[in-house]
N, C-alpha and C. Protein backbone atom coordinates (compact mmCIF):
# COMPACT_ATOMS: atom_id res chain seq x y z
N MET A 1 35.40 -7.12 129.85
CA MET A 1 35.44 -7.04 127.85
C MET A 1 34.66 -5.84 127.27
N ALA A 2 35.44 -5.08 126.25
CA ALA A 2 34.58 -4.18 125.74
C ALA A 2 34.25 -4.12 124.53
N LEU A 3 33.30 -4.06 123.62
CA LEU A 3 33.28 -4.28 122.34
C LEU A 3 32.33 -3.31 121.96
N HIS A 4 32.63 -2.24 120.61
CA HIS A 4 32.16 -1.31 120.21
C HIS A 4 32.13 -1.35 118.12
N GLY A 5 31.15 -1.56 118.07
CA GLY A 5 31.63 -1.91 116.67
C GLY A 5 32.46 -3.05 116.22
N THR A 6 32.44 -4.01 116.52
CA THR A 6 33.37 -5.03 116.21
C THR A 6 32.85 -5.48 115.00
N PRO A 7 33.63 -5.62 113.92
CA PRO A 7 32.83 -6.79 112.91
C PRO A 7 33.04 -8.17 112.95
N VAL A 8 31.73 -8.81 112.69
CA VAL A 8 32.02 -10.32 112.64
C VAL A 8 31.30 -10.82 111.60
N GLY A 9 31.70 -10.45 110.33
CA GLY A 9 31.41 -10.75 109.18
C GLY A 9 30.34 -10.53 108.39
N GLY A 10 30.38 -10.38 107.46
CA GLY A 10 29.04 -10.23 106.75
C GLY A 10 28.17 -8.43 106.65
N GLY A 11 29.66 -7.90 107.33
CA GLY A 11 29.04 -5.98 107.01
C GLY A 11 28.43 -6.16 108.95
N ALA A 12 28.02 -7.15 109.51
CA ALA A 12 27.46 -6.82 110.55
C ALA A 12 28.76 -6.46 111.86
N THR A 13 28.22 -5.74 112.67
CA THR A 13 29.11 -5.06 113.80
C THR A 13 28.40 -5.51 115.14
N VAL A 14 29.50 -5.93 116.19
CA VAL A 14 28.58 -5.68 117.61
C VAL A 14 28.93 -4.94 118.34
N THR A 15 27.99 -4.66 119.50
CA THR A 15 28.82 -3.85 120.51
C THR A 15 28.13 -4.46 121.92
N LEU A 16 28.96 -4.73 123.12
CA LEU A 16 28.34 -5.48 123.86
C LEU A 16 28.19 -4.11 125.19
N ILE A 17 27.04 -4.44 125.52
CA ILE A 17 26.33 -3.19 126.81
C ILE A 17 26.36 -3.75 128.20
N ARG A 18 27.24 -3.51 129.24
CA ARG A 18 26.98 -4.65 130.56
C ARG A 18 25.98 -3.66 130.85
N GLY A 19 24.80 -4.56 131.56
CA GLY A 19 24.00 -3.76 132.60
C GLY A 19 24.54 -3.10 133.51
N ALA A 20 25.30 -3.52 134.20
CA ALA A 20 26.56 -2.41 135.40
C ALA A 20 26.85 -1.19 134.58
N GLU A 21 26.56 -0.80 133.69
CA GLU A 21 27.30 0.36 133.42
C GLU A 21 26.23 1.59 133.20
N LEU A 22 25.06 0.66 132.92
CA LEU A 22 24.08 1.63 132.65
C LEU A 22 24.03 2.95 133.72
N VAL A 23 23.38 3.97 133.79
CA VAL A 23 23.15 4.88 134.31
C VAL A 23 21.82 5.11 134.50
N ALA A 24 21.35 5.35 135.49
CA ALA A 24 19.82 5.32 135.88
C ALA A 24 19.87 6.82 136.80
N ALA A 25 18.61 6.95 136.17
CA ALA A 25 18.52 8.75 135.48
C ALA A 25 16.74 8.69 136.19
N PRO A 26 16.44 9.64 137.38
CA PRO A 26 15.61 9.29 138.24
C PRO A 26 14.26 10.46 137.44
N TRP A 27 12.84 9.50 137.48
CA TRP A 27 11.93 10.38 136.71
C TRP A 27 11.55 11.60 137.22
N LYS A 28 11.11 12.79 136.47
CA LYS A 28 10.58 13.97 137.18
C LYS A 28 9.87 13.66 138.46
N ASN A 29 8.52 12.78 138.18
CA ASN A 29 7.54 12.47 139.47
C ASN A 29 7.99 11.88 140.35
N GLY A 30 9.08 11.72 140.29
CA GLY A 30 10.12 10.72 141.59
C GLY A 30 9.12 9.21 141.48
N GLY A 31 8.50 8.64 140.54
CA GLY A 31 7.73 7.37 140.39
C GLY A 31 8.71 5.92 140.03
N GLY A 32 10.50 6.78 139.89
CA GLY A 32 11.04 5.48 139.76
C GLY A 32 12.33 5.89 138.77
N VAL A 33 12.94 4.91 138.31
CA VAL A 33 14.11 5.33 137.31
C VAL A 33 14.57 4.56 136.02
N THR A 34 14.97 5.23 135.29
CA THR A 34 15.08 5.06 134.16
C THR A 34 16.49 4.52 133.36
N ARG A 35 16.95 3.45 132.89
CA ARG A 35 18.51 3.06 132.78
C ARG A 35 18.21 2.94 131.10
N GLU A 36 19.14 3.93 130.32
CA GLU A 36 18.95 3.44 128.80
C GLU A 36 19.84 2.93 128.54
N VAL A 37 19.46 2.19 127.53
CA VAL A 37 20.35 0.82 126.84
C VAL A 37 20.98 1.30 125.97
N ALA A 38 20.01 1.91 124.50
CA ALA A 38 20.23 2.12 123.47
C ALA A 38 19.51 2.99 122.84
N ALA A 39 20.20 3.87 121.97
CA ALA A 39 18.66 4.45 121.45
C ALA A 39 19.69 5.37 120.29
N VAL A 40 18.57 5.91 118.64
CA VAL A 40 19.41 6.02 117.92
C VAL A 40 18.40 7.51 117.46
N PRO A 41 18.91 8.81 117.26
CA PRO A 41 20.65 8.76 117.39
C PRO A 41 20.79 8.48 118.74
N GLN A 42 22.19 8.22 119.09
CA GLN A 42 22.62 7.91 120.59
C GLN A 42 22.44 9.31 120.98
N GLY A 43 22.38 8.94 122.64
CA GLY A 43 21.82 10.72 123.26
C GLY A 43 20.55 11.52 123.02
N ALA A 44 19.57 10.87 122.03
CA ALA A 44 19.09 11.49 121.96
C ALA A 44 17.95 11.78 122.75
N GLY A 45 16.66 13.08 122.69
CA GLY A 45 16.17 12.84 123.71
C GLY A 45 14.64 12.15 123.63
N LEU A 46 13.75 12.71 124.27
CA LEU A 46 12.23 11.76 124.45
C LEU A 46 11.30 12.20 123.26
N ASP A 47 12.02 13.48 122.61
CA ASP A 47 11.47 13.92 121.33
C ASP A 47 11.91 13.75 120.01
N THR A 48 13.13 13.59 119.74
CA THR A 48 13.88 13.01 118.99
C THR A 48 14.71 11.88 118.57
N PHE A 49 14.04 10.94 119.61
CA PHE A 49 15.01 9.19 118.78
C PHE A 49 13.95 8.44 118.06
N VAL A 50 14.67 8.02 117.51
CA VAL A 50 13.85 7.16 116.25
C VAL A 50 13.69 5.50 116.92
N TRP A 51 14.11 5.22 117.86
CA TRP A 51 14.06 4.01 119.27
C TRP A 51 15.30 3.93 119.98
N ARG A 52 14.19 3.67 121.26
CA ARG A 52 14.91 4.09 122.01
C ARG A 52 14.54 2.25 123.08
N VAL A 53 15.58 1.99 123.72
CA VAL A 53 15.67 0.84 124.31
C VAL A 53 15.95 0.88 125.96
N SER A 54 15.34 0.90 127.22
CA SER A 54 15.73 0.99 128.40
C SER A 54 15.15 0.18 129.28
N VAL A 55 15.32 0.37 130.55
CA VAL A 55 15.14 -0.29 131.72
C VAL A 55 14.48 0.22 132.75
N ALA A 56 13.51 -0.07 133.23
CA ALA A 56 12.92 1.00 134.50
C ALA A 56 12.53 0.04 135.86
N ASP A 57 12.75 1.19 137.03
CA ASP A 57 12.04 0.54 137.94
C ASP A 57 11.10 1.53 138.36
N VAL A 58 10.03 0.69 138.41
CA VAL A 58 8.82 1.69 138.83
C VAL A 58 8.32 1.36 140.21
N ALA A 59 8.65 2.53 140.91
CA ALA A 59 8.36 2.54 142.55
C ALA A 59 6.84 2.67 142.81
N GLN A 60 6.20 3.44 142.09
CA GLN A 60 4.66 3.70 141.87
C GLN A 60 3.69 3.67 141.34
N ALA A 61 2.38 3.64 141.47
CA ALA A 61 1.32 3.84 140.53
C ALA A 61 1.09 5.05 140.12
N GLY A 62 0.57 5.21 138.82
CA GLY A 62 0.25 6.31 138.58
C GLY A 62 -0.10 6.12 137.03
N PRO A 63 -0.18 7.30 136.18
CA PRO A 63 -0.36 7.45 134.73
C PRO A 63 0.92 7.68 133.80
N PHE A 64 1.20 6.84 132.42
CA PHE A 64 2.00 6.71 132.12
C PHE A 64 2.37 8.21 131.22
N SER A 65 3.50 8.54 130.81
CA SER A 65 3.26 10.01 130.29
C SER A 65 3.21 9.04 128.39
N ARG A 66 2.23 10.46 127.80
CA ARG A 66 1.89 9.82 126.73
C ARG A 66 3.07 10.55 125.43
N PHE A 67 3.40 9.73 124.01
CA PHE A 67 3.96 10.11 123.34
C PHE A 67 3.69 9.88 121.82
N ALA A 68 3.27 10.81 121.41
CA ALA A 68 2.47 10.89 120.04
C ALA A 68 3.63 10.08 119.12
N GLY A 69 2.95 9.55 118.17
CA GLY A 69 3.76 8.69 117.07
C GLY A 69 4.41 7.73 117.62
N ILE A 70 4.79 7.15 118.39
CA ILE A 70 5.16 5.84 119.20
C ILE A 70 4.44 4.85 119.39
N ASP A 71 5.35 3.85 118.78
CA ASP A 71 4.56 2.29 119.32
C ASP A 71 5.56 2.08 120.54
N ARG A 72 4.83 1.41 121.78
CA ARG A 72 5.57 0.73 123.01
C ARG A 72 5.59 -0.64 123.20
N THR A 73 6.03 -0.97 123.64
CA THR A 73 6.30 -2.81 123.62
C THR A 73 7.09 -2.68 124.82
N LEU A 74 6.22 -3.25 126.26
CA LEU A 74 6.80 -3.59 127.70
C LEU A 74 6.71 -4.93 128.15
N VAL A 75 7.85 -5.36 128.83
CA VAL A 75 8.04 -6.60 129.42
C VAL A 75 8.60 -6.45 130.92
N LEU A 76 7.59 -7.28 131.79
CA LEU A 76 7.76 -7.55 132.75
C LEU A 76 9.04 -8.10 133.32
N LEU A 77 9.91 -7.69 133.89
CA LEU A 77 11.15 -8.55 134.28
C LEU A 77 11.62 -8.56 135.45
N SER A 78 11.03 -8.29 136.78
CA SER A 78 11.25 -8.78 137.93
C SER A 78 10.22 -8.01 138.65
N GLY A 79 9.49 -8.65 139.87
CA GLY A 79 8.65 -7.95 140.54
C GLY A 79 7.20 -8.57 140.42
N ALA A 80 6.41 -8.23 141.27
CA ALA A 80 4.91 -8.78 140.95
C ALA A 80 4.49 -8.51 140.13
N GLY A 81 4.02 -7.54 139.69
CA GLY A 81 3.84 -7.33 138.05
C GLY A 81 2.88 -5.84 138.34
N MET A 82 2.15 -5.45 137.37
CA MET A 82 1.33 -4.28 137.02
C MET A 82 0.42 -4.49 136.46
N LEU A 83 -0.29 -3.81 136.45
CA LEU A 83 -1.91 -3.78 135.41
C LEU A 83 -1.91 -2.26 134.69
N LEU A 84 -1.62 -2.81 133.42
CA LEU A 84 -1.69 -1.17 132.86
C LEU A 84 -3.16 -1.36 132.05
N ASP A 85 -4.03 -0.22 132.64
CA ASP A 85 -5.44 -0.22 132.26
C ASP A 85 -5.53 1.08 131.18
N GLU A 86 -5.68 0.47 130.14
CA GLU A 86 -5.69 1.34 129.00
C GLU A 86 -7.37 1.92 128.30
N ALA A 87 -7.90 3.18 128.69
CA ALA A 87 -8.71 4.00 128.23
C ALA A 87 -9.09 3.62 126.62
N ASP A 88 -10.49 3.01 126.48
CA ASP A 88 -10.59 2.16 125.10
C ASP A 88 -11.64 3.03 124.54
N GLY A 89 -11.86 4.11 124.94
CA GLY A 89 -13.50 4.77 123.90
C GLY A 89 -14.39 4.48 124.86
N ALA A 90 -14.92 4.14 123.54
CA ALA A 90 -16.23 3.40 123.79
C ALA A 90 -16.54 2.34 124.54
N GLN A 91 -15.43 1.08 124.27
CA GLN A 91 -15.64 -0.03 124.94
C GLN A 91 -14.85 0.25 126.69
N GLY A 92 -14.87 1.49 126.99
CA GLY A 92 -14.44 1.19 128.15
C GLY A 92 -12.62 1.24 128.16
N VAL A 93 -12.72 0.37 129.61
CA VAL A 93 -11.29 0.19 129.69
C VAL A 93 -10.83 -1.53 129.72
N LYS A 94 -9.41 -1.36 128.65
CA LYS A 94 -8.59 -2.56 128.36
C LYS A 94 -7.39 -2.53 129.00
N THR A 95 -7.25 -3.46 130.27
CA THR A 95 -6.19 -3.92 130.55
C THR A 95 -5.20 -4.92 130.55
N HIS A 96 -4.26 -4.35 130.45
CA HIS A 96 -3.14 -5.46 129.91
C HIS A 96 -1.81 -5.80 131.13
N ALA A 97 -2.40 -6.68 131.24
CA ALA A 97 -1.74 -7.62 132.71
C ALA A 97 -0.09 -8.29 132.76
N LEU A 98 0.45 -7.93 133.34
CA LEU A 98 2.26 -8.10 133.22
C LEU A 98 1.96 -8.79 134.94
N THR A 99 2.00 -10.04 135.02
CA THR A 99 2.20 -10.43 136.37
C THR A 99 2.92 -11.65 136.40
N GLN A 100 3.30 -12.17 134.98
CA GLN A 100 4.38 -13.03 135.57
C GLN A 100 5.56 -12.55 134.80
N ALA A 101 6.78 -12.53 135.21
CA ALA A 101 8.15 -12.94 134.16
C ALA A 101 8.31 -12.62 132.73
N LEU A 102 8.43 -11.66 131.92
CA LEU A 102 8.62 -12.25 130.64
C LEU A 102 7.39 -11.74 130.06
N ASP A 103 6.07 -11.27 131.06
CA ASP A 103 4.83 -10.82 130.01
C ASP A 103 4.79 -10.08 129.30
N VAL A 104 4.33 -9.98 128.25
CA VAL A 104 4.44 -8.45 127.10
C VAL A 104 3.53 -7.76 126.96
N ALA A 105 3.63 -6.46 127.32
CA ALA A 105 2.59 -5.68 126.88
C ALA A 105 3.12 -4.73 125.43
N ARG A 106 1.68 -4.47 124.72
CA ARG A 106 1.66 -3.63 123.17
C ARG A 106 0.98 -2.45 123.35
N PHE A 107 1.49 -1.32 123.30
CA PHE A 107 0.69 -0.80 123.49
C PHE A 107 0.98 1.35 122.29
N THR A 108 0.15 1.62 122.15
CA THR A 108 0.75 3.31 121.62
C THR A 108 1.36 4.43 122.28
N GLY A 109 1.95 5.06 122.32
CA GLY A 109 2.55 6.20 122.88
C GLY A 109 1.31 6.96 123.01
N GLU A 110 0.49 7.16 122.23
CA GLU A 110 -1.00 8.12 122.59
C GLU A 110 -1.98 7.72 123.61
N ALA A 111 -1.43 6.32 123.69
CA ALA A 111 -2.74 5.61 124.77
C ALA A 111 -3.04 6.32 125.70
N HIS A 112 -4.05 6.28 126.93
CA HIS A 112 -4.09 6.73 128.20
C HIS A 112 -3.78 5.67 128.98
N ILE A 113 -2.70 5.62 129.98
CA ILE A 113 -2.74 4.42 130.17
C ILE A 113 -2.15 4.48 132.04
N ASP A 114 -3.00 3.86 132.52
CA ASP A 114 -2.81 3.91 133.80
C ASP A 114 -2.19 2.73 134.65
N ALA A 115 -1.08 2.25 135.16
CA ALA A 115 -0.33 1.67 135.86
C ALA A 115 -0.67 1.51 137.13
N ARG A 116 -1.24 0.13 137.77
CA ARG A 116 -1.25 -0.41 139.24
C ARG A 116 -0.39 -1.45 139.37
N LEU A 117 -0.12 -0.94 140.15
CA LEU A 117 1.44 -2.43 140.74
C LEU A 117 0.67 -3.33 141.71
N VAL A 118 0.96 -4.33 141.14
CA VAL A 118 0.51 -5.46 142.09
C VAL A 118 0.66 -5.64 143.43
N ASP A 119 2.14 -5.50 143.58
CA ASP A 119 2.60 -5.64 145.56
C ASP A 119 4.03 -5.17 145.34
N GLY A 120 4.31 -3.94 145.05
CA GLY A 120 5.40 -2.92 145.23
C GLY A 120 5.96 -3.43 144.05
N ALA A 121 7.04 -2.32 143.95
CA ALA A 121 7.96 -2.01 143.46
C ALA A 121 8.40 -3.16 141.64
N THR A 122 8.36 -2.78 140.74
CA THR A 122 8.58 -3.93 139.62
C THR A 122 9.99 -3.30 138.55
N ARG A 123 10.67 -3.94 138.11
CA ARG A 123 11.49 -3.65 137.02
C ARG A 123 10.78 -4.17 135.44
N ASP A 124 11.01 -3.51 134.68
CA ASP A 124 10.37 -3.53 133.28
C ASP A 124 11.69 -3.34 132.18
N PHE A 125 11.50 -4.09 131.16
CA PHE A 125 11.72 -3.80 129.61
C PHE A 125 11.07 -2.61 128.51
N ASN A 126 11.69 -1.76 128.25
CA ASN A 126 10.78 -0.66 127.56
C ASN A 126 11.19 -0.88 126.13
N LEU A 127 10.58 -1.13 124.90
CA LEU A 127 10.73 -0.14 123.89
C LEU A 127 10.28 0.32 123.65
N MET A 128 10.64 1.95 122.28
CA MET A 128 9.74 2.53 122.15
C MET A 128 10.37 3.03 120.62
N VAL A 129 9.46 3.12 119.92
CA VAL A 129 9.99 3.33 118.36
C VAL A 129 8.84 4.66 117.56
N ARG A 130 9.52 5.23 117.16
CA ARG A 130 8.68 6.00 116.19
C ARG A 130 8.08 5.63 115.00
N ARG A 131 6.90 5.15 114.63
CA ARG A 131 6.46 4.40 113.93
C ARG A 131 6.37 5.23 112.96
N ASP A 132 6.41 6.55 112.54
CA ASP A 132 7.06 7.37 111.19
C ASP A 132 8.15 6.80 110.34
N ALA A 133 9.16 6.20 111.24
CA ALA A 133 11.04 5.76 111.06
C ALA A 133 10.92 4.40 111.22
N ALA A 134 10.46 3.83 111.94
CA ALA A 134 10.76 2.76 112.07
C ALA A 134 10.03 1.47 112.46
N ARG A 135 9.99 -0.05 112.19
CA ARG A 135 9.35 -0.81 112.88
C ARG A 135 9.88 -1.64 113.83
N GLY A 136 9.63 -2.08 115.35
CA GLY A 136 10.21 -2.70 116.33
C GLY A 136 9.15 -3.94 116.69
N GLU A 137 10.12 -5.09 116.63
CA GLU A 137 8.98 -6.65 117.70
C GLU A 137 10.20 -6.93 118.60
N VAL A 138 9.68 -7.09 119.44
CA VAL A 138 10.24 -8.04 120.94
C VAL A 138 10.06 -9.05 121.17
N ASP A 139 11.36 -10.03 121.22
CA ASP A 139 10.09 -11.55 120.74
C ASP A 139 10.95 -12.54 122.31
N VAL A 140 10.52 -13.17 122.67
CA VAL A 140 11.21 -13.91 124.05
C VAL A 140 11.72 -15.14 123.40
N TRP A 141 13.51 -15.64 123.86
CA TRP A 141 13.99 -16.54 123.54
C TRP A 141 14.63 -17.14 124.41
N ARG A 142 13.78 -18.19 124.83
CA ARG A 142 14.43 -19.11 126.06
C ARG A 142 15.47 -20.33 125.45
N GLY A 143 16.61 -20.35 126.74
CA GLY A 143 17.43 -21.60 125.91
C GLY A 143 17.97 -21.84 124.94
N ALA A 144 18.63 -22.91 124.52
CA ALA A 144 19.74 -22.66 123.50
C ALA A 144 19.06 -22.75 122.09
N GLY A 145 19.79 -22.14 120.79
CA GLY A 145 19.25 -22.56 119.77
C GLY A 145 20.45 -21.80 118.63
N GLN A 146 19.54 -22.11 117.41
CA GLN A 146 20.62 -21.22 116.53
C GLN A 146 19.68 -20.61 115.59
N ARG A 147 19.83 -19.49 115.32
CA ARG A 147 19.03 -18.25 114.69
C ARG A 147 19.58 -17.62 113.58
N THR A 148 18.82 -17.08 112.83
CA THR A 148 19.67 -16.02 111.58
C THR A 148 18.80 -14.66 111.95
N LEU A 149 19.34 -13.77 111.84
CA LEU A 149 19.17 -12.21 112.08
C LEU A 149 19.09 -11.63 110.62
N SER A 150 18.02 -10.77 110.09
CA SER A 150 18.14 -10.15 109.17
C SER A 150 17.42 -8.60 109.22
N GLU A 151 17.45 -8.38 110.52
CA GLU A 151 16.77 -6.83 110.50
C GLU A 151 17.94 -5.77 110.48
N ASP A 152 17.63 -4.36 110.67
CA ASP A 152 18.79 -3.38 110.46
C ASP A 152 19.56 -3.40 111.54
N VAL A 153 18.89 -4.02 113.10
CA VAL A 153 19.71 -3.41 113.39
C VAL A 153 18.80 -5.22 115.09
N VAL A 154 19.70 -5.43 116.13
CA VAL A 154 19.02 -5.86 116.74
C VAL A 154 19.82 -6.36 118.24
N LEU A 155 18.97 -5.94 119.21
CA LEU A 155 19.49 -6.60 120.18
C LEU A 155 19.02 -7.37 121.07
N LEU A 156 19.65 -8.45 121.84
CA LEU A 156 19.68 -9.31 122.46
C LEU A 156 20.03 -9.11 123.74
N TYR A 157 18.71 -8.61 124.69
CA TYR A 157 18.77 -8.33 126.27
C TYR A 157 19.17 -9.61 126.92
N CYS A 158 19.76 -9.79 128.00
CA CYS A 158 19.59 -11.00 128.94
C CYS A 158 18.53 -10.18 129.79
N ALA A 159 17.50 -11.36 129.90
CA ALA A 159 16.55 -11.19 131.01
C ALA A 159 16.71 -11.86 132.13
N GLN A 160 16.90 -13.27 131.93
CA GLN A 160 17.51 -13.86 132.77
C GLN A 160 18.35 -14.76 133.04
N GLY A 161 18.92 -15.45 134.02
CA GLY A 161 20.23 -16.53 133.86
C GLY A 161 21.55 -15.66 133.21
N ALA A 162 22.15 -16.78 132.50
CA ALA A 162 23.11 -16.56 131.66
C ALA A 162 23.50 -17.37 130.37
N VAL A 163 23.94 -16.59 129.37
CA VAL A 163 23.71 -17.33 128.17
C VAL A 163 25.20 -16.73 127.63
N ARG A 164 25.53 -17.54 126.34
CA ARG A 164 26.80 -17.17 125.67
C ARG A 164 26.45 -17.03 124.19
N ILE A 165 26.47 -16.09 123.29
CA ILE A 165 26.43 -15.64 122.22
C ILE A 165 27.51 -15.73 121.25
N THR A 166 27.04 -16.26 119.87
CA THR A 166 28.56 -16.68 119.12
C THR A 166 28.02 -15.94 117.76
N PRO A 167 27.85 -14.50 117.74
CA PRO A 167 27.50 -14.25 116.73
C PRO A 167 28.26 -14.06 115.27
N GLY A 168 27.91 -14.65 114.38
CA GLY A 168 28.69 -14.58 113.03
C GLY A 168 29.89 -15.68 113.00
N GLU A 169 31.10 -14.34 112.83
CA GLU A 169 32.51 -15.36 113.06
C GLU A 169 33.30 -14.99 114.53
N ALA A 170 32.17 -14.58 115.23
CA ALA A 170 32.89 -13.80 116.89
C ALA A 170 33.44 -14.97 117.29
N ARG A 171 33.68 -14.94 118.40
CA ARG A 171 34.09 -15.49 119.69
C ARG A 171 33.05 -15.78 120.34
N ALA A 172 32.19 -17.03 121.18
CA ALA A 172 31.25 -16.84 122.05
C ALA A 172 31.70 -15.56 123.08
N LEU A 173 30.38 -15.25 123.26
CA LEU A 173 30.38 -13.49 124.04
C LEU A 173 29.20 -14.57 125.39
N PRO A 174 29.79 -14.26 126.96
CA PRO A 174 29.51 -14.59 127.84
C PRO A 174 28.28 -13.12 128.48
N LEU A 175 27.18 -13.35 128.45
CA LEU A 175 26.52 -12.23 129.01
C LEU A 175 25.37 -12.72 130.09
N GLU A 176 25.48 -11.80 131.10
CA GLU A 176 24.36 -12.37 132.27
C GLU A 176 23.26 -11.28 132.55
N ALA A 177 22.50 -11.35 133.35
CA ALA A 177 20.97 -10.60 133.61
C ALA A 177 21.45 -9.08 133.59
N GLY A 178 20.62 -8.79 132.43
CA GLY A 178 20.87 -6.65 132.24
C GLY A 178 21.75 -6.53 131.22
N ASP A 179 22.45 -7.57 130.46
CA ASP A 179 23.49 -7.39 129.76
C ASP A 179 22.88 -7.67 128.46
N THR A 180 23.66 -6.63 127.73
CA THR A 180 22.65 -6.30 125.71
C THR A 180 23.81 -6.60 124.59
N LEU A 181 23.60 -7.54 123.87
CA LEU A 181 24.57 -7.48 122.76
C LEU A 181 23.72 -6.67 121.84
N ARG A 182 23.85 -5.91 120.88
CA ARG A 182 23.43 -5.24 119.87
C ARG A 182 24.31 -5.69 118.46
N ILE A 183 23.88 -5.43 117.87
CA ILE A 183 24.19 -6.42 116.24
C ILE A 183 23.19 -5.32 115.44
N ASP A 184 24.44 -4.58 114.40
CA ASP A 184 24.03 -3.68 113.78
C ASP A 184 24.12 -4.22 112.25
N THR A 185 23.02 -3.58 111.46
CA THR A 185 23.07 -4.61 109.95
C THR A 185 23.68 -6.29 109.71
N PRO A 186 22.60 -7.00 110.80
CA PRO A 186 23.06 -8.14 110.63
C PRO A 186 22.11 -9.01 109.32
N SER A 187 22.65 -8.81 108.41
CA SER A 187 22.32 -9.40 107.32
C SER A 187 22.41 -10.83 106.83
N ALA A 188 21.37 -11.49 106.68
CA ALA A 188 21.27 -12.89 107.24
C ALA A 188 22.33 -13.62 108.32
N LEU A 189 22.65 -12.88 109.54
CA LEU A 189 24.04 -13.56 110.23
C LEU A 189 23.05 -14.91 110.64
N SER A 190 24.24 -15.36 111.09
CA SER A 190 23.92 -16.77 112.11
C SER A 190 24.29 -16.46 113.29
N CYS A 191 23.33 -16.76 114.57
CA CYS A 191 23.79 -16.51 115.60
C CYS A 191 23.62 -17.33 116.47
N ARG A 192 24.39 -18.05 117.22
CA ARG A 192 23.99 -19.22 118.34
C ARG A 192 23.73 -18.72 119.56
N VAL A 193 23.27 -19.73 120.49
CA VAL A 193 22.71 -18.92 121.96
C VAL A 193 22.90 -20.40 122.31
N GLU A 194 23.63 -20.43 123.61
CA GLU A 194 23.92 -21.61 124.47
C GLU A 194 23.49 -21.36 125.66
N GLY A 195 23.01 -21.72 126.69
CA GLY A 195 22.72 -21.62 128.29
C GLY A 195 21.31 -21.62 128.25
N GLU A 196 20.63 -22.06 129.32
CA GLU A 196 19.23 -21.79 130.22
C GLU A 196 18.84 -20.72 130.19
N GLY A 197 19.42 -19.41 129.88
CA GLY A 197 19.12 -18.06 130.42
C GLY A 197 17.86 -17.76 129.43
N ALA A 198 16.84 -16.60 130.00
CA ALA A 198 16.47 -16.14 128.50
C ALA A 198 16.35 -14.70 127.95
N LEU A 199 16.26 -14.44 127.22
CA LEU A 199 16.65 -13.46 126.03
C LEU A 199 15.76 -12.73 125.44
N LEU A 200 15.42 -11.28 125.48
CA LEU A 200 14.57 -10.41 124.75
C LEU A 200 15.19 -10.35 123.93
N ALA A 201 14.69 -10.43 122.33
CA ALA A 201 14.89 -9.98 120.91
C ALA A 201 14.42 -8.87 120.12
N VAL A 202 15.19 -7.55 120.20
CA VAL A 202 14.21 -7.00 120.02
C VAL A 202 14.89 -6.63 118.28
N SER A 203 14.10 -6.42 117.68
CA SER A 203 14.70 -6.01 116.04
C SER A 203 14.09 -5.09 115.78
N ILE A 204 14.83 -4.45 114.65
CA ILE A 204 14.58 -3.14 114.55
C ILE A 204 14.61 -3.16 112.86
N ARG A 205 13.60 -2.83 111.92
CA ARG A 205 13.54 -2.01 110.85
C ARG A 205 13.35 -0.55 109.93
N TYR A 206 14.48 -0.30 109.84
CA TYR A 206 13.93 1.38 109.31
C TYR A 206 12.98 1.45 108.07
N ALA A 207 12.48 2.25 108.04
CA ALA A 207 11.40 2.92 107.17
C ALA A 207 12.28 3.05 105.60
N GLN A 208 11.81 2.51 104.90
CA GLN A 208 12.55 2.91 103.34
C GLN A 208 12.00 4.18 103.12
N PRO A 209 13.51 5.17 102.62
CA PRO A 209 13.07 6.50 102.44
C PRO A 209 12.32 7.14 100.70
């Protein structure tokens, strides 16, 4: 089932992104691979995106690349986890511990981050937002419920299990782990979630001109 910009009422459109169709791009340093889920503008490079959502397989410890002007959110998806040591000036080192599935870390792209793997490779979910152009948040949704979506863009990434999502006037859409439903301009759009899986709900709001 392919959905690309399908209207669901109230001016909102949905796009279904299957995890199995994401393309893996190896890191230059050989430390892992990244699969881009979505970005604006589409196909933008790392120095030109407004926001970017991706999934990374991290195979070895090491420093994170730095991205000036970017706010980052990282969520552990699988593996024993990692410890992110952030140099904190006069305060020493602040450690973000991602040791349980769906643990969340938030930090700036300018931060000096050194990653330590707890016990082998991990997979993580990564939101990057250019702070002068947009704001982004990641929330963890577990289980069934009814939500109202009101940001400029919402992405619902199935992190665990399976769910069925009914956005607006559309039929229910099944998502398995790794799948994403992207909803553009969901102005007060009602969204029903069924199933026992867990979703990462990414909300993007663009800066006003």
